[in-house]
Amino acid sequence: MDLKTAKKEFGLRVKSYRNSRNLTQEQFCSLTDLEQANLSNIENGKTYPGFMTICTMIEKGGIEPDFLFRFLSSNSVKYDTIDYEIMNILVTLSEPAKKNIKNILEMINKNYS
């Protein structure tokens, strides 16, 4: 994977996490002590954060390290921003709710296949 792709994937993950928590850039920056311009550049794939910035996002922003770096797996599938947002919502749901959503998605998939 080249650096440009890695920056884009990482930025999409940060943005989708922030959006799934209904946080503005300003609010997320307040939590993590990041500059808003820096966060914007990260989310847009223009820059890749340094090690301490990543640690701060994990520690103060509550982002799971696995979520941030899952795109590095050779088995990983490329997702769009909406995919990340859906996944972030799903992890917060109860098991019965997840099963209901799974059934709904299977019906939708069957109708559109």
PDB file of N, CA and C in Angstrom:
ATOM      1  N   MET A   1       0.853  -1.173   0.000  1.00  0.00           N
ATOM      2  CA  MET A   1       0.000   0.000   0.000  1.00  0.00           C
ATOM      3  C   MET A   1       0.896   1.231   0.000  1.00  0.00           C
ATOM      4  N   ASP A   2       0.552   2.190  -0.831  1.00  0.00           N
ATOM      5  CA  ASP A   2       1.353   3.403  -0.878  1.00  0.00           C
ATOM      6  C   ASP A   2       0.884   4.397   0.188  1.00  0.00           C
ATOM      7  N   LEU A   3       1.713   5.388   0.460  1.00  0.00           N
ATOM      8  CA  LEU A   3       1.429   6.357   1.521  1.00  0.00           C
ATOM      9  C   LEU A   3       0.152   7.145   1.244  1.00  0.00           C
ATOM     10  N   LYS A   4      -0.091   7.501  -0.001  1.00  0.00           N
ATOM     11  CA  LYS A   4      -1.288   8.270  -0.348  1.00  0.00           C
ATOM     12  C   LYS A   4      -2.558   7.496   0.015  1.00  0.00           C
ATOM     13  N   THR A   5      -2.575   6.221  -0.316  1.00  0.00           N
ATOM     14  CA  THR A   5      -3.733   5.381   0.006  1.00  0.00           C
ATOM     15  C   THR A   5      -3.881   5.209   1.510  1.00  0.00           C
ATOM     16  N   ALA A   6      -2.760   5.010   2.197  1.00  0.00           N
ATOM     17  CA  ALA A   6      -2.795   4.845   3.655  1.00  0.00           C
ATOM     18  C   ALA A   6      -3.338   6.100   4.326  1.00  0.00           C
ATOM     19  N   LYS A   7      -2.912   7.266   3.880  1.00  0.00           N
ATOM     20  CA  LYS A   7      -3.414   8.521   4.460  1.00  0.00           C
ATOM     21  C   LYS A   7      -4.915   8.653   4.237  1.00  0.00           C
ATOM     22  N   LYS A   8      -5.369   8.303   3.040  1.00  0.00           N
ATOM     23  CA  LYS A   8      -6.799   8.403   2.724  1.00  0.00           C
ATOM     24  C   LYS A   8      -7.616   7.449   3.591  1.00  0.00           C
ATOM     25  N   GLU A   9      -7.182   6.184   3.680  1.00  0.00           N
ATOM     26  CA  GLU A   9      -7.891   5.188   4.477  1.00  0.00           C
ATOM     27  C   GLU A   9      -7.928   5.573   5.955  1.00  0.00           C
ATOM     28  N   PHE A  10      -6.794   6.008   6.477  1.00  0.00           N
ATOM     29  CA  PHE A  10      -6.720   6.403   7.878  1.00  0.00           C
ATOM     30  C   PHE A  10      -7.666   7.580   8.133  1.00  0.00           C
ATOM     31  N   GLY A  11      -7.624   8.571   7.254  1.00  0.00           N
ATOM     32  CA  GLY A  11      -8.486   9.738   7.399  1.00  0.00           C
ATOM     33  C   GLY A  11      -9.958   9.398   7.357  1.00  0.00           C
ATOM     34  N   LEU A  12     -10.344   8.480   6.464  1.00  0.00           N
ATOM     35  CA  LEU A  12     -11.739   8.050   6.392  1.00  0.00           C
ATOM     36  C   LEU A  12     -12.179   7.403   7.701  1.00  0.00           C
ATOM     37  N   ARG A  13     -11.293   6.640   8.307  1.00  0.00           N
ATOM     38  CA  ARG A  13     -11.627   5.975   9.570  1.00  0.00           C
ATOM     39  C   ARG A  13     -11.806   6.990  10.697  1.00  0.00           C
ATOM     40  N   VAL A  14     -10.935   7.979  10.754  1.00  0.00           N
ATOM     41  CA  VAL A  14     -11.057   9.005  11.793  1.00  0.00           C
ATOM     42  C   VAL A  14     -12.361   9.777  11.604  1.00  0.00           C
ATOM     43  N   LYS A  15     -12.632  10.173  10.376  1.00  0.00           N
ATOM     44  CA  LYS A  15     -13.847  10.943  10.088  1.00  0.00           C
ATOM     45  C   LYS A  15     -15.104  10.139  10.389  1.00  0.00           C
ATOM     46  N   SER A  16     -15.130   8.873   9.985  1.00  0.00           N
ATOM     47  CA  SER A  16     -16.331   8.079  10.231  1.00  0.00           C
ATOM     48  C   SER A  16     -16.540   7.839  11.716  1.00  0.00           C
ATOM     49  N   TYR A  17     -15.451   7.665  12.459  1.00  0.00           N
ATOM     50  CA  TYR A  17     -15.568   7.514  13.918  1.00  0.00           C
ATOM     51  C   TYR A  17     -16.167   8.787  14.515  1.00  0.00           C
ATOM     52  N   ARG A  18     -15.619   9.923  14.126  1.00  0.00           N
ATOM     53  CA  ARG A  18     -16.100  11.202  14.660  1.00  0.00           C
ATOM     54  C   ARG A  18     -17.570  11.414  14.307  1.00  0.00           C
ATOM     55  N   ASN A  19     -17.933  11.139  13.058  1.00  0.00           N
ATOM     56  CA  ASN A  19     -19.328  11.306  12.629  1.00  0.00           C
ATOM     57  C   ASN A  19     -20.268  10.349  13.346  1.00  0.00           C
ATOM     58  N   SER A  20     -19.818   9.127  13.579  1.00  0.00           N
ATOM     59  CA  SER A  20     -20.674   8.152  14.262  1.00  0.00           C
ATOM     60  C   SER A  20     -20.956   8.558  15.700  1.00  0.00           C
ATOM     61  N   ARG A  21     -20.101   9.383  16.263  1.00  0.00           N
ATOM     62  CA  ARG A  21     -20.294   9.891  17.625  1.00  0.00           C
ATOM     63  C   ARG A  21     -20.964  11.260  17.629  1.00  0.00           C
ATOM     64  N   ASN A  22     -21.393  11.691  16.433  1.00  0.00           N
ATOM     65  CA  ASN A  22     -22.059  12.993  16.271  1.00  0.00           C
ATOM     66  C   ASN A  22     -21.214  14.134  16.822  1.00  0.00           C
ATOM     67  N   LEU A  23     -19.921  14.067  16.566  1.00  0.00           N
ATOM     68  CA  LEU A  23     -19.012  15.121  17.007  1.00  0.00           C
ATOM     69  C   LEU A  23     -18.596  15.974  15.820  1.00  0.00           C
ATOM     70  N   THR A  24     -18.612  17.282  16.010  1.00  0.00           N
ATOM     71  CA  THR A  24     -18.060  18.161  14.997  1.00  0.00           C
ATOM     72  C   THR A  24     -16.533  18.064  15.084  1.00  0.00           C
ATOM     73  N   GLN A  25     -15.864  18.594  14.093  1.00  0.00           N
ATOM     74  CA  GLN A  25     -14.401  18.633  14.167  1.00  0.00           C
ATOM     75  C   GLN A  25     -13.967  19.422  15.399  1.00  0.00           C
ATOM     76  N   GLU A  26     -14.649  20.509  15.647  1.00  0.00           N
ATOM     77  CA  GLU A  26     -14.313  21.346  16.805  1.00  0.00           C
ATOM     78  C   GLU A  26     -14.445  20.565  18.113  1.00  0.00           C
ATOM     79  N   GLN A  27     -15.517  19.803  18.255  1.00  0.00           N
ATOM     80  CA  GLN A  27     -15.727  19.020  19.476  1.00  0.00           C
ATOM     81  C   GLN A  27     -14.667  17.931  19.630  1.00  0.00           C
ATOM     82  N   PHE A  28     -14.356  17.247  18.524  1.00  0.00           N
ATOM     83  CA  PHE A  28     -13.338  16.199  18.586  1.00  0.00           C
ATOM     84  C   PHE A  28     -11.975  16.799  18.922  1.00  0.00           C
ATOM     85  N   CYS A  29     -11.690  17.956  18.360  1.00  0.00           N
ATOM     86  CA  CYS A  29     -10.425  18.634  18.659  1.00  0.00           C
ATOM     87  C   CYS A  29     -10.352  19.040  20.122  1.00  0.00           C
ATOM     88  N   SER A  30     -11.473  19.441  20.674  1.00  0.00           N
ATOM     89  CA  SER A  30     -11.520  19.793  22.088  1.00  0.00           C
ATOM     90  C   SER A  30     -11.188  18.582  22.960  1.00  0.00           C
ATOM     91  N   LEU A  31     -11.692  17.418  22.582  1.00  0.00           N
ATOM     92  CA  LEU A  31     -11.409  16.181  23.326  1.00  0.00           C
ATOM     93  C   LEU A  31      -9.942  15.774  23.228  1.00  0.00           C
ATOM     94  N   THR A  32      -9.374  15.946  22.052  1.00  0.00           N
ATOM     95  CA  THR A  32      -8.056  15.392  21.760  1.00  0.00           C
ATOM     96  C   THR A  32      -6.931  16.410  21.753  1.00  0.00           C
ATOM     97  N   ASP A  33      -7.243  17.671  21.948  1.00  0.00           N
ATOM     98  CA  ASP A  33      -6.238  18.742  21.920  1.00  0.00           C
ATOM     99  C   ASP A  33      -5.561  18.889  20.564  1.00  0.00           C
ATOM    100  N   LEU A  34      -6.242  18.471  19.499  1.00  0.00           N
ATOM    101  CA  LEU A  34      -5.704  18.645  18.153  1.00  0.00           C
ATOM    102  C   LEU A  34      -6.140  19.999  17.605  1.00  0.00           C
ATOM    103  N   GLU A  35      -5.369  20.513  16.678  1.00  0.00           N
ATOM    104  CA  GLU A  35      -5.770  21.719  15.961  1.00  0.00           C
ATOM    105  C   GLU A  35      -6.778  21.308  14.888  1.00  0.00           C
ATOM    106  N   GLN A  36      -7.803  22.128  14.688  1.00  0.00           N
ATOM    107  CA  GLN A  36      -8.847  21.772  13.732  1.00  0.00           C
ATOM    108  C   GLN A  36      -8.289  21.642  12.317  1.00  0.00           C
ATOM    109  N   ALA A  37      -7.363  22.491  11.933  1.00  0.00           N
ATOM    110  CA  ALA A  37      -6.767  22.391  10.592  1.00  0.00           C
ATOM    111  C   ALA A  37      -6.016  21.071  10.438  1.00  0.00           C
ATOM    112  N   ASN A  38      -5.354  20.634  11.496  1.00  0.00           N
ATOM    113  CA  ASN A  38      -4.630  19.370  11.470  1.00  0.00           C
ATOM    114  C   ASN A  38      -5.604  18.200  11.304  1.00  0.00           C
ATOM    115  N   LEU A  39      -6.697  18.213  12.074  1.00  0.00           N
ATOM    116  CA  LEU A  39      -7.703  17.168  11.972  1.00  0.00           C
ATOM    117  C   LEU A  39      -8.315  17.141  10.576  1.00  0.00           C
ATOM    118  N   SER A  40      -8.619  18.296  10.040  1.00  0.00           N
ATOM    119  CA  SER A  40      -9.188  18.376   8.698  1.00  0.00           C
ATOM    120  C   SER A  40      -8.244  17.759   7.671  1.00  0.00           C
ATOM    121  N   ASN A  41      -6.965  18.073   7.770  1.00  0.00           N
ATOM    122  CA  ASN A  41      -5.980  17.516   6.840  1.00  0.00           C
ATOM    123  C   ASN A  41      -5.855  15.996   6.989  1.00  0.00           C
ATOM    124  N   ILE A  42      -5.951  15.504   8.219  1.00  0.00           N
ATOM    125  CA  ILE A  42      -5.908  14.053   8.453  1.00  0.00           C
ATOM    126  C   ILE A  42      -7.130  13.392   7.828  1.00  0.00           C
ATOM    127  N   GLU A  43      -8.312  13.930   8.120  1.00  0.00           N
ATOM    128  CA  GLU A  43      -9.553  13.338   7.614  1.00  0.00           C
ATOM    129  C   GLU A  43      -9.635  13.365   6.094  1.00  0.00           C
ATOM    130  N   ASN A  44      -9.033  14.358   5.485  1.00  0.00           N
ATOM    131  CA  ASN A  44      -9.068  14.479   4.027  1.00  0.00           C
ATOM    132  C   ASN A  44      -7.912  13.755   3.346  1.00  0.00           C
ATOM    133  N   GLY A  45      -7.098  13.068   4.129  1.00  0.00           N
ATOM    134  CA  GLY A  45      -5.995  12.298   3.561  1.00  0.00           C
ATOM    135  C   GLY A  45      -4.832  13.128   3.073  1.00  0.00           C
ATOM    136  N   LYS A  46      -4.755  14.377   3.507  1.00  0.00           N
ATOM    137  CA  LYS A  46      -3.663  15.253   3.082  1.00  0.00           C
ATOM    138  C   LYS A  46      -2.401  15.023   3.904  1.00  0.00           C
ATOM    139  N   THR A  47      -2.589  14.664   5.168  1.00  0.00           N
ATOM    140  CA  THR A  47      -1.442  14.402   6.033  1.00  0.00           C
ATOM    141  C   THR A  47      -1.707  13.143   6.838  1.00  0.00           C
ATOM    142  N   TYR A  48      -0.630  12.549   7.294  1.00  0.00           N
ATOM    143  CA  TYR A  48      -0.724  11.381   8.162  1.00  0.00           C
ATOM    144  C   TYR A  48      -0.229  11.826   9.524  1.00  0.00           C
ATOM    145  N   PRO A  49      -0.986  11.544  10.575  1.00  0.00           N
ATOM    146  CA  PRO A  49      -0.592  12.037  11.893  1.00  0.00           C
ATOM    147  C   PRO A  49       0.657  11.332  12.424  1.00  0.00           C
ATOM    148  N   GLY A  50       1.370  12.041  13.269  1.00  0.00           N
ATOM    149  CA  GLY A  50       2.520  11.455  13.931  1.00  0.00           C
ATOM    150  C   GLY A  50       2.087  10.482  15.018  1.00  0.00           C
ATOM    151  N   PHE A  51       3.049   9.761  15.534  1.00  0.00           N
ATOM    152  CA  PHE A  51       2.777   8.736  16.531  1.00  0.00           C
ATOM    153  C   PHE A  51       2.049   9.292  17.742  1.00  0.00           C
ATOM    154  N   MET A  52       2.491  10.412  18.288  1.00  0.00           N
ATOM    155  CA  MET A  52       1.859  10.965  19.485  1.00  0.00           C
ATOM    156  C   MET A  52       0.434  11.451  19.201  1.00  0.00           C
ATOM    157  N   THR A  53       0.192  11.956  17.997  1.00  0.00           N
ATOM    158  CA  THR A  53      -1.161  12.367  17.622  1.00  0.00           C
ATOM    159  C   THR A  53      -2.073  11.149  17.561  1.00  0.00           C
ATOM    160  N   ILE A  54      -1.579  10.059  16.998  1.00  0.00           N
ATOM    161  CA  ILE A  54      -2.361   8.822  16.944  1.00  0.00           C
ATOM    162  C   ILE A  54      -2.661   8.335  18.357  1.00  0.00           C
ATOM    163  N   CYS A  55      -1.657   8.359  19.228  1.00  0.00           N
ATOM    164  CA  CYS A  55      -1.859   7.937  20.627  1.00  0.00           C
ATOM    165  C   CYS A  55      -2.911   8.805  21.308  1.00  0.00           C
ATOM    166  N   THR A  56      -2.884  10.086  21.052  1.00  0.00           N
ATOM    167  CA  THR A  56      -3.848  11.014  21.647  1.00  0.00           C
ATOM    168  C   THR A  56      -5.262  10.721  21.147  1.00  0.00           C
ATOM    169  N   MET A  57      -5.404  10.453  19.846  1.00  0.00           N
ATOM    170  CA  MET A  57      -6.727  10.141  19.296  1.00  0.00           C
ATOM    171  C   MET A  57      -7.272   8.857  19.907  1.00  0.00           C
ATOM    172  N   ILE A  58      -6.397   7.890  20.141  1.00  0.00           N
ATOM    173  CA  ILE A  58      -6.810   6.629  20.742  1.00  0.00           C
ATOM    174  C   ILE A  58      -7.190   6.840  22.206  1.00  0.00           C
ATOM    175  N   GLU A  59      -6.313   7.516  22.940  1.00  0.00           N
ATOM    176  CA  GLU A  59      -6.517   7.682  24.382  1.00  0.00           C
ATOM    177  C   GLU A  59      -7.647   8.657  24.707  1.00  0.00           C
ATOM    178  N   LYS A  60      -7.582   9.851  24.169  1.00  0.00           N
ATOM    179  CA  LYS A  60      -8.556  10.876  24.528  1.00  0.00           C
ATOM    180  C   LYS A  60      -9.808  10.856  23.656  1.00  0.00           C
ATOM    181  N   GLY A  61      -9.658  10.397  22.404  1.00  0.00           N
ATOM    182  CA  GLY A  61     -10.793  10.370  21.491  1.00  0.00           C
ATOM    183  C   GLY A  61     -11.592   9.091  21.571  1.00  0.00           C
ATOM    184  N   GLY A  62     -11.012   8.070  22.216  1.00  0.00           N
ATOM    185  CA  GLY A  62     -11.730   6.818  22.399  1.00  0.00           C
ATOM    186  C   GLY A  62     -11.780   5.916  21.180  1.00  0.00           C
ATOM    187  N   ILE A  63     -10.904   6.153  20.211  1.00  0.00           N
ATOM    188  CA  ILE A  63     -10.890   5.324  19.006  1.00  0.00           C
ATOM    189  C   ILE A  63     -10.090   4.056  19.290  1.00  0.00           C
ATOM    190  N   GLU A  64     -10.632   2.918  18.901  1.00  0.00           N
ATOM    191  CA  GLU A  64      -9.928   1.652  19.061  1.00  0.00           C
ATOM    192  C   GLU A  64      -8.797   1.561  18.045  1.00  0.00           C
ATOM    193  N   PRO A  65      -7.603   1.197  18.480  1.00  0.00           N
ATOM    194  CA  PRO A  65      -6.473   1.083  17.541  1.00  0.00           C
ATOM    195  C   PRO A  65      -6.765   0.127  16.387  1.00  0.00           C
ATOM    196  N   ASP A  66      -7.440  -0.972  16.684  1.00  0.00           N
ATOM    197  CA  ASP A  66      -7.767  -1.936  15.634  1.00  0.00           C
ATOM    198  C   ASP A  66      -8.612  -1.287  14.548  1.00  0.00           C
ATOM    199  N   PHE A  67      -9.554  -0.443  14.948  1.00  0.00           N
ATOM    200  CA  PHE A  67     -10.405   0.219  13.970  1.00  0.00           C
ATOM    201  C   PHE A  67      -9.576   1.145  13.081  1.00  0.00           C
ATOM    202  N   LEU A  68      -8.648   1.879  13.688  1.00  0.00           N
ATOM    203  CA  LEU A  68      -7.843   2.824  12.918  1.00  0.00           C
ATOM    204  C   LEU A  68      -6.974   2.149  11.871  1.00  0.00           C
ATOM    205  N   PHE A  69      -6.448   0.977  12.216  1.00  0.00           N
ATOM    206  CA  PHE A  69      -5.450   0.360  11.351  1.00  0.00           C
ATOM    207  C   PHE A  69      -5.911  -0.909  10.637  1.00  0.00           C
ATOM    208  N   ARG A  70      -7.173  -1.227  10.726  1.00  0.00           N
ATOM    209  CA  ARG A  70      -7.678  -2.445  10.101  1.00  0.00           C
ATOM    210  C   ARG A  70      -7.428  -2.467   8.594  1.00  0.00           C
ATOM    211  N   PHE A  71      -7.343  -1.317   7.969  1.00  0.00           N
ATOM    212  CA  PHE A  71      -7.131  -1.255   6.522  1.00  0.00           C
ATOM    213  C   PHE A  71      -5.774  -1.823   6.104  1.00  0.00           C
ATOM    214  N   LEU A  72      -4.866  -1.995   7.054  1.00  0.00           N
ATOM    215  CA  LEU A  72      -3.538  -2.518   6.735  1.00  0.00           C
ATOM    216  C   LEU A  72      -3.530  -4.034   6.553  1.00  0.00           C
ATOM    217  N   SER A  73      -4.583  -4.698   6.994  1.00  0.00           N
ATOM    218  CA  SER A  73      -4.667  -6.145   6.862  1.00  0.00           C
ATOM    219  C   SER A  73      -4.723  -6.528   5.386  1.00  0.00           C
ATOM    220  N   SER A  74      -3.985  -7.563   5.028  1.00  0.00           N
ATOM    221  CA  SER A  74      -3.997  -8.005   3.625  1.00  0.00           C
ATOM    222  C   SER A  74      -5.364  -8.544   3.226  1.00  0.00           C
ATOM    223  N   ASN A  75      -6.173  -8.912   4.206  1.00  0.00           N
ATOM    224  CA  ASN A  75      -7.510  -9.436   3.927  1.00  0.00           C
ATOM    225  C   ASN A  75      -8.575  -8.349   3.935  1.00  0.00           C
ATOM    226  N   SER A  76      -8.164  -7.114   4.161  1.00  0.00           N
ATOM    227  CA  SER A  76      -9.165  -6.063   4.344  1.00  0.00           C
ATOM    228  C   SER A  76      -9.856  -5.706   3.035  1.00  0.00           C
ATOM    229  N   VAL A  77     -11.104  -5.346   3.178  1.00  0.00           N
ATOM    230  CA  VAL A  77     -11.931  -4.902   2.060  1.00  0.00           C
ATOM    231  C   VAL A  77     -11.935  -3.380   2.105  1.00  0.00           C
ATOM    232  N   LYS A  78     -11.951  -2.753   0.961  1.00  0.00           N
ATOM    233  CA  LYS A  78     -11.982  -1.289   0.906  1.00  0.00           C
ATOM    234  C   LYS A  78     -13.416  -0.813   1.110  1.00  0.00           C
ATOM    235  N   TYR A  79     -13.594   0.076   2.061  1.00  0.00           N
ATOM    236  CA  TYR A  79     -14.921   0.577   2.390  1.00  0.00           C
ATOM    237  C   TYR A  79     -15.033   2.054   2.072  1.00  0.00           C
ATOM    238  N   ASP A  80     -16.249   2.509   1.872  1.00  0.00           N
ATOM    239  CA  ASP A  80     -16.554   3.931   1.725  1.00  0.00           C
ATOM    240  C   ASP A  80     -16.841   4.504   3.102  1.00  0.00           C
ATOM    241  N   THR A  81     -16.936   5.805   3.201  1.00  0.00           N
ATOM    242  CA  THR A  81     -17.219   6.466   4.466  1.00  0.00           C
ATOM    243  C   THR A  81     -18.510   5.956   5.087  1.00  0.00           C
ATOM    244  N   ILE A  82     -19.544   5.759   4.287  1.00  0.00           N
ATOM    245  CA  ILE A  82     -20.832   5.295   4.821  1.00  0.00           C
ATOM    246  C   ILE A  82     -20.692   3.911   5.449  1.00  0.00           C
ATOM    247  N   ASP A  83     -19.836   3.065   4.872  1.00  0.00           N
ATOM    248  CA  ASP A  83     -19.611   1.742   5.452  1.00  0.00           C
ATOM    249  C   ASP A  83     -19.037   1.860   6.857  1.00  0.00           C
ATOM    250  N   TYR A  84     -18.065   2.737   7.026  1.00  0.00           N
ATOM    251  CA  TYR A  84     -17.461   2.948   8.341  1.00  0.00           C
ATOM    252  C   TYR A  84     -18.477   3.497   9.335  1.00  0.00           C
ATOM    253  N   GLU A  85     -19.313   4.419   8.865  1.00  0.00           N
ATOM    254  CA  GLU A  85     -20.313   4.996   9.753  1.00  0.00           C
ATOM    255  C   GLU A  85     -21.302   3.936  10.220  1.00  0.00           C
ATOM    256  N   ILE A  86     -21.703   3.061   9.315  1.00  0.00           N
ATOM    257  CA  ILE A  86     -22.623   1.975   9.676  1.00  0.00           C
ATOM    258  C   ILE A  86     -21.956   1.044  10.684  1.00  0.00           C
ATOM    259  N   MET A  87     -20.697   0.685  10.436  1.00  0.00           N
ATOM    260  CA  MET A  87     -19.991  -0.216  11.349  1.00  0.00           C
ATOM    261  C   MET A  87     -19.848   0.399  12.740  1.00  0.00           C
ATOM    262  N   ASN A  88     -19.577   1.692  12.792  1.00  0.00           N
ATOM    263  CA  ASN A  88     -19.449   2.358  14.087  1.00  0.00           C
ATOM    264  C   ASN A  88     -20.759   2.354  14.856  1.00  0.00           C
ATOM    265  N   ILE A  89     -21.866   2.485  14.156  1.00  0.00           N
ATOM    266  CA  ILE A  89     -23.171   2.438  14.812  1.00  0.00           C
ATOM    267  C   ILE A  89     -23.449   1.019  15.299  1.00  0.00           C
ATOM    268  N   LEU A  90     -23.145   0.038  14.458  1.00  0.00           N
ATOM    269  CA  LEU A  90     -23.425  -1.352  14.807  1.00  0.00           C
ATOM    270  C   LEU A  90     -22.731  -1.796  16.089  1.00  0.00           C
ATOM    271  N   VAL A  91     -21.505  -1.360  16.293  1.00  0.00           N
ATOM    272  CA  VAL A  91     -20.777  -1.829  17.482  1.00  0.00           C
ATOM    273  C   VAL A  91     -21.384  -1.303  18.776  1.00  0.00           C
ATOM    274  N   THR A  92     -22.222  -0.292  18.690  1.00  0.00           N
ATOM    275  CA  THR A  92     -22.837   0.261  19.895  1.00  0.00           C
ATOM    276  C   THR A  92     -24.173  -0.398  20.228  1.00  0.00           C
ATOM    277  N   LEU A  93     -24.685  -1.240  19.325  1.00  0.00           N
ATOM    278  CA  LEU A  93     -26.008  -1.832  19.513  1.00  0.00           C
ATOM    279  C   LEU A  93     -25.960  -3.115  20.340  1.00  0.00           C
ATOM    280  N   SER A  94     -27.100  -3.444  20.916  1.00  0.00           N
ATOM    281  CA  SER A  94     -27.229  -4.705  21.648  1.00  0.00           C
ATOM    282  C   SER A  94     -27.250  -5.869  20.654  1.00  0.00           C
ATOM    283  N   GLU A  95     -27.010  -7.071  21.151  1.00  0.00           N
ATOM    284  CA  GLU A  95     -27.028  -8.255  20.283  1.00  0.00           C
ATOM    285  C   GLU A  95     -28.395  -8.469  19.637  1.00  0.00           C
ATOM    286  N   PRO A  96     -29.513  -8.323  20.368  1.00  0.00           N
ATOM    287  CA  PRO A  96     -30.828  -8.486  19.706  1.00  0.00           C
ATOM    288  C   PRO A  96     -31.033  -7.466  18.575  1.00  0.00           C
ATOM    289  N   ALA A  97     -30.588  -6.236  18.792  1.00  0.00           N
ATOM    290  CA  ALA A  97     -30.726  -5.213  17.747  1.00  0.00           C
ATOM    291  C   ALA A  97     -29.878  -5.569  16.535  1.00  0.00           C
ATOM    292  N   LYS A  98     -28.665  -6.079  16.778  1.00  0.00           N
ATOM    293  CA  LYS A  98     -27.788  -6.486  15.673  1.00  0.00           C
ATOM    294  C   LYS A  98     -28.431  -7.610  14.869  1.00  0.00           C
ATOM    295  N   LYS A  99     -29.064  -8.560  15.546  1.00  0.00           N
ATOM    296  CA  LYS A  99     -29.719  -9.676  14.849  1.00  0.00           C
ATOM    297  C   LYS A  99     -30.884  -9.171  14.000  1.00  0.00           C
ATOM    298  N   ASN A 100     -31.643  -8.219  14.525  1.00  0.00           N
ATOM    299  CA  ASN A 100     -32.747  -7.637  13.756  1.00  0.00           C
ATOM    300  C   ASN A 100     -32.223  -6.932  12.510  1.00  0.00           C
ATOM    301  N   ILE A 101     -31.160  -6.174  12.671  1.00  0.00           N
ATOM    302  CA  ILE A 101     -30.587  -5.448  11.534  1.00  0.00           C
ATOM    303  C   ILE A 101     -30.032  -6.431  10.510  1.00  0.00           C
ATOM    304  N   LYS A 102     -29.403  -7.494  10.976  1.00  0.00           N
ATOM    305  CA  LYS A 102     -28.882  -8.523  10.070  1.00  0.00           C
ATOM    306  C   LYS A 102     -30.020  -9.102   9.235  1.00  0.00           C
ATOM    307  N   ASN A 103     -31.149  -9.422   9.870  1.00  0.00           N
ATOM    308  CA  ASN A 103     -32.301  -9.963   9.142  1.00  0.00           C
ATOM    309  C   ASN A 103     -32.830  -8.970   8.116  1.00  0.00           C
ATOM    310  N   ILE A 104     -32.895  -7.716   8.492  1.00  0.00           N
ATOM    311  CA  ILE A 104     -33.364  -6.673   7.571  1.00  0.00           C
ATOM    312  C   ILE A 104     -32.416  -6.556   6.381  1.00  0.00           C
ATOM    313  N   LEU A 105     -31.121  -6.550   6.655  1.00  0.00           N
ATOM    314  CA  LEU A 105     -30.145  -6.436   5.572  1.00  0.00           C
ATOM    315  C   LEU A 105     -30.196  -7.637   4.634  1.00  0.00           C
ATOM    316  N   GLU A 106     -30.403  -8.816   5.188  1.00  0.00           N
ATOM    317  CA  GLU A 106     -30.519 -10.007   4.344  1.00  0.00           C
ATOM    318  C   GLU A 106     -31.730  -9.905   3.421  1.00  0.00           C
ATOM    319  N   MET A 107     -32.845  -9.381   3.941  1.00  0.00           N
ATOM    320  CA  MET A 107     -34.043  -9.205   3.102  1.00  0.00           C
ATOM    321  C   MET A 107     -33.784  -8.169   2.010  1.00  0.00           C
ATOM    322  N   ILE A 108     -33.154  -7.080   2.368  1.00  0.00           N
ATOM    323  CA  ILE A 108     -32.842  -6.039   1.379  1.00  0.00           C
ATOM    324  C   ILE A 108     -31.922  -6.602   0.309  1.00  0.00           C
ATOM    325  N   ASN A 109     -30.889  -7.306   0.741  1.00  0.00           N
ATOM    326  CA  ASN A 109     -29.923  -7.884  -0.209  1.00  0.00           C
ATOM    327  C   ASN A 109     -30.607  -8.870  -1.150  1.00  0.00           C
ATOM    328  N   LYS A 110     -31.514  -9.661  -0.617  1.00  0.00           N
ATOM    329  CA  LYS A 110     -32.243 -10.645  -1.429  1.00  0.00           C
ATOM    330  C   LYS A 110     -33.089  -9.944  -2.490  1.00  0.00           C
ATOM    331  N   ASN A 111     -33.709  -8.832  -2.106  1.00  0.00           N
ATOM    332  CA  ASN A 111     -34.570  -8.097  -3.047  1.00  0.00           C
ATOM    333  C   ASN A 111     -33.789  -7.329  -4.116  1.00  0.00           C
ATOM    334  N   TYR A 112     -32.528  -6.991  -3.829  1.00  0.00           N
ATOM    335  CA  TYR A 112     -31.732  -6.215  -4.775  1.00  0.00           C
ATOM    336  C   TYR A 112     -30.680  -7.043  -5.493  1.00  0.00           C
ATOM    337  N   SER A 113     -30.656  -8.347  -5.237  1.00  0.00           N
ATOM    338  CA  SER A 113     -29.656  -9.208  -5.897  1.00  0.00           C
ATOM    339  C   SER A 113     -30.085  -9.613  -7.278  1.00  0.00           C
TER     340      SER A 113
END
